[in-house]
Amino acid sequence: MKQGLILIFLSTMTISVKAQNQSTMTINQEAPVVQTNEIVINAKPEKVWQILTNIQNWDKWNERIKKPKVQDNLQVGSSFTWKTNGSNIKSKIHSFTSNRILGWHGKAFGASAIHNWYLEPTEYGTKVRVEESMEGWVINLMKKKMNEKLAEDMLYWLEQLKKECEK
């Protein structure tokens, strides 16, 4: 019996460690709110990455973001808080591959989201693709409006990132 419990415990720990070490978490394509967009930025991926991962300065180039604060060095498992559209968001990095992938999942009142950025070098600079899924009881109540708002905010964020990177 004791050996069986130990085996179950070790199996559970192994599964937990594997989940924590996942390189990317995908968005929920079945969520009530799902958006994807992309833009080409005339800058190298390293520059885009530097600006995108400098979370505490997001509010310097994106006026829709307020009070970004990183709790730790940026890596998988790091937490950060920020505010957008009146919502206080607590986020945690789930994917971090230098100059290529940045992803987090976050929670706000009645909502949760998965958000991923992908950087790909091109002959013109960097193709930046962003995707997000949102769900929760608040999202379900305002599905249409939230899809429209997320699409608008995502485009704005991409345009502001482009402007900042191309300075």
N, C-alpha and C. Protein backbone atom coordinates (compact mmCIF):
# COMPACT_ATOMS: atom_id res chain seq x y z
N MET A 1 0.83 -1.19 0.00
CA MET A 1 0.00 0.00 0.00
C MET A 1 0.87 1.26 0.00
N LYS A 2 1.88 1.25 0.88
CA LYS A 2 2.78 2.40 1.00
C LYS A 2 3.50 2.64 -0.33
N GLN A 3 3.97 1.56 -0.97
CA GLN A 3 4.67 1.67 -2.24
C GLN A 3 3.75 2.22 -3.32
N GLY A 4 2.49 1.80 -3.28
CA GLY A 4 1.51 2.29 -4.24
C GLY A 4 1.29 3.79 -4.11
N LEU A 5 1.20 4.28 -2.87
CA LEU A 5 1.03 5.71 -2.63
C LEU A 5 2.27 6.49 -3.08
N ILE A 6 3.44 5.94 -2.80
CA ILE A 6 4.68 6.60 -3.23
C ILE A 6 4.73 6.67 -4.75
N LEU A 7 4.37 5.60 -5.43
CA LEU A 7 4.37 5.58 -6.89
C LEU A 7 3.39 6.61 -7.45
N ILE A 8 2.21 6.70 -6.87
CA ILE A 8 1.22 7.70 -7.31
C ILE A 8 1.78 9.10 -7.10
N PHE A 9 2.38 9.34 -5.94
CA PHE A 9 2.96 10.65 -5.64
C PHE A 9 4.05 11.00 -6.65
N LEU A 10 4.97 10.08 -6.92
CA LEU A 10 6.06 10.34 -7.87
C LEU A 10 5.53 10.56 -9.28
N SER A 11 4.52 9.80 -9.67
CA SER A 11 3.91 9.99 -10.99
C SER A 11 3.28 11.36 -11.11
N THR A 12 2.59 11.77 -10.06
CA THR A 12 1.96 13.09 -10.05
C THR A 12 3.01 14.18 -10.14
N MET A 13 4.10 14.04 -9.40
CA MET A 13 5.18 15.03 -9.44
C MET A 13 5.81 15.09 -10.83
N THR A 14 6.01 13.97 -11.48
CA THR A 14 6.59 13.93 -12.82
C THR A 14 5.68 14.65 -13.81
N ILE A 15 4.39 14.39 -13.76
CA ILE A 15 3.45 15.06 -14.64
C ILE A 15 3.46 16.56 -14.39
N SER A 16 3.50 16.96 -13.13
CA SER A 16 3.52 18.38 -12.77
C SER A 16 4.77 19.06 -13.31
N VAL A 17 5.93 18.44 -13.17
CA VAL A 17 7.18 19.02 -13.67
C VAL A 17 7.14 19.14 -15.19
N LYS A 18 6.63 18.12 -15.88
CA LYS A 18 6.53 18.18 -17.34
C LYS A 18 5.65 19.35 -17.77
N ALA A 19 4.53 19.55 -17.08
CA ALA A 19 3.63 20.65 -17.43
C ALA A 19 4.31 21.99 -17.22
N GLN A 20 5.09 22.13 -16.15
CA GLN A 20 5.76 23.39 -15.88
C GLN A 20 6.85 23.69 -16.91
N ASN A 21 7.45 22.66 -17.49
CA ASN A 21 8.55 22.85 -18.42
C ASN A 21 8.09 22.93 -19.88
N GLN A 22 6.80 22.94 -20.11
CA GLN A 22 6.29 23.07 -21.47
C GLN A 22 6.82 24.34 -22.09
N SER A 23 7.23 24.28 -23.35
CA SER A 23 7.79 25.47 -23.98
C SER A 23 6.71 26.44 -24.45
N THR A 24 5.54 25.96 -24.77
CA THR A 24 4.46 26.86 -25.16
C THR A 24 3.11 26.32 -24.68
N MET A 25 2.26 27.24 -24.34
CA MET A 25 0.88 26.91 -23.99
C MET A 25 0.04 27.52 -25.11
N THR A 26 -0.80 26.72 -25.71
CA THR A 26 -1.61 27.23 -26.80
C THR A 26 -2.88 27.88 -26.27
N ILE A 27 -3.43 28.77 -27.07
CA ILE A 27 -4.69 29.39 -26.68
C ILE A 27 -5.81 28.35 -26.81
N ASN A 28 -6.93 28.62 -26.19
CA ASN A 28 -8.09 27.75 -26.26
C ASN A 28 -8.93 28.17 -27.46
N GLN A 29 -8.83 27.43 -28.54
CA GLN A 29 -9.57 27.75 -29.77
C GLN A 29 -11.08 27.64 -29.58
N GLU A 30 -11.51 26.96 -28.53
CA GLU A 30 -12.94 26.80 -28.25
C GLU A 30 -13.48 27.86 -27.29
N ALA A 31 -12.63 28.77 -26.83
CA ALA A 31 -13.06 29.80 -25.89
C ALA A 31 -14.06 30.74 -26.56
N PRO A 32 -14.88 31.43 -25.78
CA PRO A 32 -15.87 32.35 -26.36
C PRO A 32 -15.23 33.55 -27.05
N VAL A 33 -14.01 33.91 -26.65
CA VAL A 33 -13.32 35.02 -27.27
C VAL A 33 -11.94 34.53 -27.73
N VAL A 34 -11.69 34.63 -29.03
CA VAL A 34 -10.42 34.22 -29.62
C VAL A 34 -10.06 35.21 -30.72
N GLN A 35 -8.83 35.72 -30.66
CA GLN A 35 -8.37 36.64 -31.69
C GLN A 35 -6.90 36.35 -32.01
N THR A 36 -6.54 36.61 -33.27
CA THR A 36 -5.17 36.49 -33.75
C THR A 36 -4.93 37.62 -34.72
N ASN A 37 -3.70 38.15 -34.72
CA ASN A 37 -3.34 39.19 -35.66
C ASN A 37 -1.83 39.17 -35.84
N GLU A 38 -1.35 39.85 -36.87
CA GLU A 38 0.09 39.92 -37.10
C GLU A 38 0.45 41.21 -37.82
N ILE A 39 1.74 41.53 -37.73
CA ILE A 39 2.26 42.73 -38.36
C ILE A 39 3.74 42.49 -38.67
N VAL A 40 4.26 43.16 -39.69
CA VAL A 40 5.69 43.11 -39.96
C VAL A 40 6.30 44.41 -39.46
N ILE A 41 7.35 44.26 -38.65
CA ILE A 41 8.04 45.41 -38.06
C ILE A 41 9.42 45.51 -38.68
N ASN A 42 9.78 46.70 -39.10
CA ASN A 42 11.07 46.93 -39.73
C ASN A 42 12.15 47.08 -38.65
N ALA A 43 12.41 45.98 -37.97
CA ALA A 43 13.44 45.91 -36.92
C ALA A 43 13.77 44.44 -36.71
N LYS A 44 14.98 44.20 -36.23
CA LYS A 44 15.40 42.82 -35.97
C LYS A 44 14.63 42.24 -34.79
N PRO A 45 14.46 40.91 -34.78
CA PRO A 45 13.74 40.27 -33.67
C PRO A 45 14.32 40.63 -32.30
N GLU A 46 15.63 40.81 -32.21
CA GLU A 46 16.26 41.15 -30.93
C GLU A 46 15.74 42.48 -30.38
N LYS A 47 15.53 43.44 -31.26
CA LYS A 47 15.02 44.74 -30.81
C LYS A 47 13.54 44.63 -30.41
N VAL A 48 12.76 43.93 -31.21
CA VAL A 48 11.34 43.73 -30.88
C VAL A 48 11.24 43.00 -29.54
N TRP A 49 12.05 41.97 -29.36
CA TRP A 49 12.06 41.19 -28.13
C TRP A 49 12.40 42.07 -26.93
N GLN A 50 13.41 42.90 -27.08
CA GLN A 50 13.84 43.78 -25.99
C GLN A 50 12.69 44.68 -25.53
N ILE A 51 11.96 45.25 -26.46
CA ILE A 51 10.86 46.15 -26.12
C ILE A 51 9.66 45.36 -25.57
N LEU A 52 9.35 44.24 -26.21
CA LEU A 52 8.20 43.43 -25.78
C LEU A 52 8.39 42.84 -24.39
N THR A 53 9.59 42.42 -24.07
CA THR A 53 9.83 41.78 -22.78
C THR A 53 10.16 42.77 -21.66
N ASN A 54 10.27 44.04 -21.98
CA ASN A 54 10.49 45.06 -20.96
C ASN A 54 9.13 45.50 -20.42
N ILE A 55 8.48 44.57 -19.76
CA ILE A 55 7.08 44.72 -19.33
C ILE A 55 6.86 45.99 -18.51
N GLN A 56 7.76 46.30 -17.61
CA GLN A 56 7.58 47.46 -16.74
C GLN A 56 7.53 48.77 -17.52
N ASN A 57 7.92 48.75 -18.80
CA ASN A 57 7.85 49.95 -19.63
C ASN A 57 6.76 49.91 -20.69
N TRP A 58 5.88 48.91 -20.64
CA TRP A 58 4.80 48.85 -21.63
C TRP A 58 3.99 50.13 -21.66
N ASP A 59 3.75 50.71 -20.49
CA ASP A 59 2.92 51.92 -20.43
C ASP A 59 3.60 53.14 -21.05
N LYS A 60 4.88 53.06 -21.34
CA LYS A 60 5.60 54.18 -21.97
C LYS A 60 5.28 54.28 -23.46
N TRP A 61 4.93 53.15 -24.09
CA TRP A 61 4.63 53.16 -25.52
C TRP A 61 3.22 52.67 -25.87
N ASN A 62 2.48 52.18 -24.88
CA ASN A 62 1.09 51.76 -25.10
C ASN A 62 0.23 52.42 -24.03
N GLU A 63 -0.43 53.49 -24.39
CA GLU A 63 -1.20 54.27 -23.40
C GLU A 63 -2.40 53.52 -22.83
N ARG A 64 -2.78 52.41 -23.41
CA ARG A 64 -3.90 51.62 -22.88
C ARG A 64 -3.47 50.71 -21.73
N ILE A 65 -2.18 50.64 -21.47
CA ILE A 65 -1.67 49.82 -20.39
C ILE A 65 -1.23 50.72 -19.24
N LYS A 66 -1.61 50.34 -18.04
CA LYS A 66 -1.29 51.12 -16.84
C LYS A 66 -0.62 50.23 -15.81
N LYS A 67 0.30 50.79 -15.07
CA LYS A 67 0.94 50.17 -13.89
C LYS A 67 1.48 48.76 -14.11
N PRO A 68 2.25 48.52 -15.19
CA PRO A 68 2.84 47.19 -15.33
C PRO A 68 3.96 47.01 -14.30
N LYS A 69 3.97 45.86 -13.65
CA LYS A 69 4.98 45.59 -12.63
C LYS A 69 5.35 44.11 -12.66
N VAL A 70 6.64 43.85 -12.86
CA VAL A 70 7.15 42.48 -12.90
C VAL A 70 7.62 42.10 -11.50
N GLN A 71 7.24 40.90 -11.05
CA GLN A 71 7.61 40.45 -9.71
C GLN A 71 9.01 39.84 -9.66
N ASP A 72 9.48 39.21 -10.73
CA ASP A 72 10.74 38.47 -10.76
C ASP A 72 11.50 38.79 -12.05
N ASN A 73 12.67 38.17 -12.20
CA ASN A 73 13.34 38.21 -13.51
C ASN A 73 12.43 37.48 -14.49
N LEU A 74 12.38 37.97 -15.70
CA LEU A 74 11.46 37.40 -16.69
C LEU A 74 11.93 36.03 -17.15
N GLN A 75 11.11 35.02 -16.87
CA GLN A 75 11.36 33.64 -17.26
C GLN A 75 10.05 32.88 -17.06
N VAL A 76 10.02 31.63 -17.49
CA VAL A 76 8.83 30.81 -17.26
C VAL A 76 8.57 30.77 -15.76
N GLY A 77 7.35 31.08 -15.36
CA GLY A 77 6.96 31.10 -13.96
C GLY A 77 6.94 32.49 -13.34
N SER A 78 7.56 33.47 -14.01
CA SER A 78 7.55 34.85 -13.50
C SER A 78 6.14 35.40 -13.50
N SER A 79 5.85 36.24 -12.52
CA SER A 79 4.54 36.88 -12.41
C SER A 79 4.67 38.36 -12.69
N PHE A 80 3.59 38.93 -13.21
CA PHE A 80 3.52 40.38 -13.36
C PHE A 80 2.07 40.82 -13.26
N THR A 81 1.89 42.08 -12.90
CA THR A 81 0.56 42.66 -12.80
C THR A 81 0.50 43.88 -13.70
N TRP A 82 -0.69 44.19 -14.16
CA TRP A 82 -0.88 45.34 -15.03
C TRP A 82 -2.36 45.65 -15.10
N LYS A 83 -2.68 46.76 -15.69
CA LYS A 83 -4.06 47.19 -15.81
C LYS A 83 -4.32 47.61 -17.26
N THR A 84 -5.45 47.18 -17.78
CA THR A 84 -5.88 47.61 -19.11
C THR A 84 -7.40 47.62 -19.16
N ASN A 85 -7.95 48.60 -19.82
CA ASN A 85 -9.42 48.73 -19.95
C ASN A 85 -10.13 48.65 -18.60
N GLY A 86 -9.50 49.19 -17.56
CA GLY A 86 -10.11 49.22 -16.24
C GLY A 86 -9.98 47.93 -15.44
N SER A 87 -9.38 46.90 -16.02
CA SER A 87 -9.23 45.62 -15.32
C SER A 87 -7.81 45.46 -14.78
N ASN A 88 -7.72 45.04 -13.52
CA ASN A 88 -6.44 44.67 -12.93
C ASN A 88 -6.18 43.22 -13.28
N ILE A 89 -5.01 42.94 -13.87
CA ILE A 89 -4.71 41.60 -14.36
C ILE A 89 -3.47 41.06 -13.66
N LYS A 90 -3.57 39.82 -13.20
CA LYS A 90 -2.43 39.10 -12.64
C LYS A 90 -2.03 38.04 -13.64
N SER A 91 -0.79 38.13 -14.13
CA SER A 91 -0.34 37.23 -15.18
C SER A 91 0.90 36.45 -14.76
N LYS A 92 1.08 35.31 -15.44
CA LYS A 92 2.25 34.46 -15.19
C LYS A 92 2.79 33.98 -16.54
N ILE A 93 4.11 34.11 -16.71
CA ILE A 93 4.75 33.68 -17.96
C ILE A 93 4.70 32.16 -18.06
N HIS A 94 4.21 31.65 -19.19
CA HIS A 94 4.18 30.21 -19.43
C HIS A 94 5.13 29.81 -20.55
N SER A 95 5.52 30.75 -21.40
CA SER A 95 6.42 30.44 -22.51
C SER A 95 7.43 31.57 -22.66
N PHE A 96 8.69 31.20 -22.81
CA PHE A 96 9.74 32.20 -22.91
C PHE A 96 10.90 31.60 -23.69
N THR A 97 10.99 31.94 -24.97
CA THR A 97 12.10 31.53 -25.82
C THR A 97 12.67 32.80 -26.42
N SER A 98 13.87 33.17 -25.99
CA SER A 98 14.48 34.45 -26.38
C SER A 98 14.34 34.74 -27.86
N ASN A 99 13.90 35.96 -28.12
CA ASN A 99 13.75 36.49 -29.48
C ASN A 99 12.74 35.73 -30.35
N ARG A 100 11.92 34.85 -29.74
CA ARG A 100 10.97 34.06 -30.53
C ARG A 100 9.56 33.97 -29.96
N ILE A 101 9.44 33.57 -28.66
CA ILE A 101 8.11 33.30 -28.10
C ILE A 101 8.00 33.88 -26.69
N LEU A 102 6.94 34.64 -26.47
CA LEU A 102 6.60 35.12 -25.13
C LEU A 102 5.12 34.83 -24.92
N GLY A 103 4.79 34.13 -23.87
CA GLY A 103 3.39 33.82 -23.60
C GLY A 103 3.10 33.88 -22.12
N TRP A 104 1.87 34.26 -21.80
CA TRP A 104 1.43 34.30 -20.40
C TRP A 104 -0.02 33.92 -20.31
N HIS A 105 -0.42 33.57 -19.13
CA HIS A 105 -1.84 33.39 -18.83
C HIS A 105 -2.15 34.34 -17.69
N GLY A 106 -3.35 34.86 -17.70
CA GLY A 106 -3.71 35.85 -16.70
C GLY A 106 -5.14 35.72 -16.24
N LYS A 107 -5.39 36.34 -15.10
CA LYS A 107 -6.74 36.33 -14.52
C LYS A 107 -7.13 37.73 -14.10
N ALA A 108 -8.38 38.02 -14.29
CA ALA A 108 -9.00 39.25 -13.80
C ALA A 108 -10.38 38.83 -13.29
N PHE A 109 -11.12 39.74 -12.73
CA PHE A 109 -12.43 39.43 -12.18
C PHE A 109 -13.31 38.75 -13.23
N GLY A 110 -13.70 37.50 -12.99
CA GLY A 110 -14.62 36.78 -13.86
C GLY A 110 -14.06 36.38 -15.21
N ALA A 111 -12.72 36.44 -15.36
CA ALA A 111 -12.14 36.14 -16.67
C ALA A 111 -10.74 35.55 -16.53
N SER A 112 -10.38 34.76 -17.51
CA SER A 112 -9.00 34.28 -17.63
C SER A 112 -8.63 34.32 -19.11
N ALA A 113 -7.33 34.44 -19.36
CA ALA A 113 -6.86 34.55 -20.74
C ALA A 113 -5.53 33.85 -20.92
N ILE A 114 -5.27 33.44 -22.14
CA ILE A 114 -3.97 32.94 -22.57
C ILE A 114 -3.54 33.83 -23.72
N HIS A 115 -2.34 34.37 -23.63
CA HIS A 115 -1.85 35.36 -24.59
C HIS A 115 -0.46 34.94 -25.05
N ASN A 116 -0.24 34.86 -26.36
CA ASN A 116 1.06 34.45 -26.92
C ASN A 116 1.53 35.41 -28.00
N TRP A 117 2.82 35.69 -27.96
CA TRP A 117 3.51 36.47 -29.00
C TRP A 117 4.52 35.57 -29.68
N TYR A 118 4.59 35.64 -31.02
CA TYR A 118 5.56 34.87 -31.79
C TYR A 118 6.32 35.83 -32.70
N LEU A 119 7.64 35.77 -32.65
CA LEU A 119 8.49 36.61 -33.50
C LEU A 119 9.20 35.73 -34.52
N GLU A 120 9.16 36.17 -35.77
CA GLU A 120 9.79 35.41 -36.85
C GLU A 120 10.58 36.36 -37.74
N PRO A 121 11.90 36.12 -37.89
CA PRO A 121 12.68 37.00 -38.75
C PRO A 121 12.20 36.89 -40.21
N THR A 122 12.19 38.02 -40.89
CA THR A 122 11.85 38.05 -42.31
C THR A 122 12.89 38.92 -43.01
N GLU A 123 12.83 38.96 -44.33
CA GLU A 123 13.78 39.81 -45.06
C GLU A 123 13.52 41.30 -44.78
N TYR A 124 12.33 41.63 -44.27
CA TYR A 124 11.97 43.01 -43.99
C TYR A 124 12.09 43.38 -42.51
N GLY A 125 12.46 42.42 -41.68
CA GLY A 125 12.55 42.69 -40.25
C GLY A 125 12.01 41.53 -39.44
N THR A 126 10.86 41.74 -38.81
CA THR A 126 10.27 40.72 -37.95
C THR A 126 8.77 40.65 -38.15
N LYS A 127 8.29 39.44 -38.41
CA LYS A 127 6.84 39.22 -38.42
C LYS A 127 6.45 38.91 -36.98
N VAL A 128 5.52 39.69 -36.45
CA VAL A 128 5.04 39.50 -35.09
C VAL A 128 3.60 39.02 -35.17
N ARG A 129 3.36 37.84 -34.60
CA ARG A 129 2.01 37.29 -34.55
C ARG A 129 1.60 37.22 -33.09
N VAL A 130 0.38 37.63 -32.82
CA VAL A 130 -0.15 37.60 -31.46
C VAL A 130 -1.48 36.86 -31.48
N GLU A 131 -1.74 36.12 -30.41
CA GLU A 131 -3.00 35.39 -30.29
C GLU A 131 -3.43 35.40 -28.83
N GLU A 132 -4.75 35.38 -28.65
CA GLU A 132 -5.29 35.37 -27.29
C GLU A 132 -6.64 34.68 -27.27
N SER A 133 -6.87 33.95 -26.19
CA SER A 133 -8.20 33.40 -25.92
C SER A 133 -8.62 33.88 -24.54
N MET A 134 -9.91 34.12 -24.40
CA MET A 134 -10.46 34.59 -23.12
C MET A 134 -11.70 33.78 -22.79
N GLU A 135 -11.86 33.48 -21.50
CA GLU A 135 -13.06 32.77 -21.06
C GLU A 135 -13.38 33.14 -19.63
N GLY A 136 -14.53 32.70 -19.17
CA GLY A 136 -15.00 33.02 -17.82
C GLY A 136 -16.41 33.57 -17.91
N TRP A 137 -17.06 33.68 -16.76
CA TRP A 137 -18.47 34.07 -16.77
C TRP A 137 -18.67 35.49 -17.30
N VAL A 138 -17.76 36.42 -17.00
CA VAL A 138 -17.89 37.79 -17.53
C VAL A 138 -17.75 37.78 -19.05
N ILE A 139 -16.80 37.00 -19.54
CA ILE A 139 -16.56 36.91 -20.99
C ILE A 139 -17.78 36.30 -21.68
N ASN A 140 -18.35 35.26 -21.09
CA ASN A 140 -19.54 34.63 -21.67
C ASN A 140 -20.71 35.60 -21.77
N LEU A 141 -20.85 36.48 -20.78
CA LEU A 141 -21.95 37.44 -20.79
C LEU A 141 -21.80 38.48 -21.90
N MET A 142 -20.56 38.81 -22.25
CA MET A 142 -20.32 39.89 -23.22
C MET A 142 -19.46 39.41 -24.38
N LYS A 143 -19.71 38.20 -24.84
CA LYS A 143 -18.89 37.55 -25.86
C LYS A 143 -18.65 38.43 -27.10
N LYS A 144 -19.70 38.94 -27.69
CA LYS A 144 -19.57 39.72 -28.93
C LYS A 144 -18.75 40.99 -28.68
N LYS A 145 -19.09 41.74 -27.66
CA LYS A 145 -18.39 42.97 -27.33
C LYS A 145 -16.92 42.70 -27.00
N MET A 146 -16.66 41.63 -26.26
CA MET A 146 -15.29 41.30 -25.87
C MET A 146 -14.45 40.87 -27.08
N ASN A 147 -15.05 40.16 -28.03
CA ASN A 147 -14.33 39.80 -29.26
C ASN A 147 -13.95 41.06 -30.04
N GLU A 148 -14.89 41.98 -30.15
CA GLU A 148 -14.63 43.24 -30.86
C GLU A 148 -13.55 44.06 -30.15
N LYS A 149 -13.65 44.15 -28.84
CA LYS A 149 -12.69 44.94 -28.06
C LYS A 149 -11.30 44.32 -28.12
N LEU A 150 -11.21 43.00 -28.01
CA LEU A 150 -9.91 42.33 -28.08
C LEU A 150 -9.28 42.53 -29.45
N ALA A 151 -10.06 42.42 -30.52
CA ALA A 151 -9.52 42.63 -31.87
C ALA A 151 -8.98 44.05 -32.01
N GLU A 152 -9.72 45.02 -31.51
CA GLU A 152 -9.30 46.44 -31.57
C GLU A 152 -8.03 46.66 -30.74
N ASP A 153 -8.00 46.15 -29.52
CA ASP A 153 -6.84 46.32 -28.65
C ASP A 153 -5.60 45.61 -29.20
N MET A 154 -5.79 44.44 -29.77
CA MET A 154 -4.68 43.68 -30.33
C MET A 154 -4.03 44.44 -31.49
N LEU A 155 -4.86 44.99 -32.37
CA LEU A 155 -4.35 45.79 -33.49
C LEU A 155 -3.62 47.02 -32.97
N TYR A 156 -4.20 47.69 -31.98
CA TYR A 156 -3.57 48.88 -31.40
C TYR A 156 -2.21 48.53 -30.80
N TRP A 157 -2.16 47.43 -30.05
CA TRP A 157 -0.92 47.00 -29.41
C TRP A 157 0.15 46.73 -30.47
N LEU A 158 -0.21 46.02 -31.54
CA LEU A 158 0.74 45.74 -32.63
C LEU A 158 1.23 47.04 -33.27
N GLU A 159 0.31 47.97 -33.54
CA GLU A 159 0.69 49.24 -34.16
C GLU A 159 1.62 50.04 -33.26
N GLN A 160 1.35 50.05 -31.96
CA GLN A 160 2.20 50.78 -31.01
C GLN A 160 3.57 50.11 -30.87
N LEU A 161 3.60 48.79 -30.87
CA LEU A 161 4.87 48.06 -30.81
C LEU A 161 5.71 48.37 -32.06
N LYS A 162 5.06 48.38 -33.21
CA LYS A 162 5.75 48.71 -34.47
C LYS A 162 6.35 50.11 -34.41
N LYS A 163 5.54 51.06 -33.96
CA LYS A 163 6.00 52.44 -33.87
C LYS A 163 7.22 52.56 -32.93
N GLU A 164 7.14 51.90 -31.79
CA GLU A 164 8.23 51.96 -30.81
C GLU A 164 9.50 51.29 -31.35
N CYS A 165 9.35 50.17 -32.02
CA CYS A 165 10.51 49.43 -32.54
C CYS A 165 11.16 50.13 -33.72
N GLU A 166 10.40 50.87 -34.47
CA GLU A 166 10.93 51.51 -35.68
C GLU A 166 11.44 52.93 -35.42
N LYS A 167 11.46 53.38 -34.19
CA LYS A 167 11.98 54.72 -33.87
C LYS A 167 13.43 54.84 -34.23
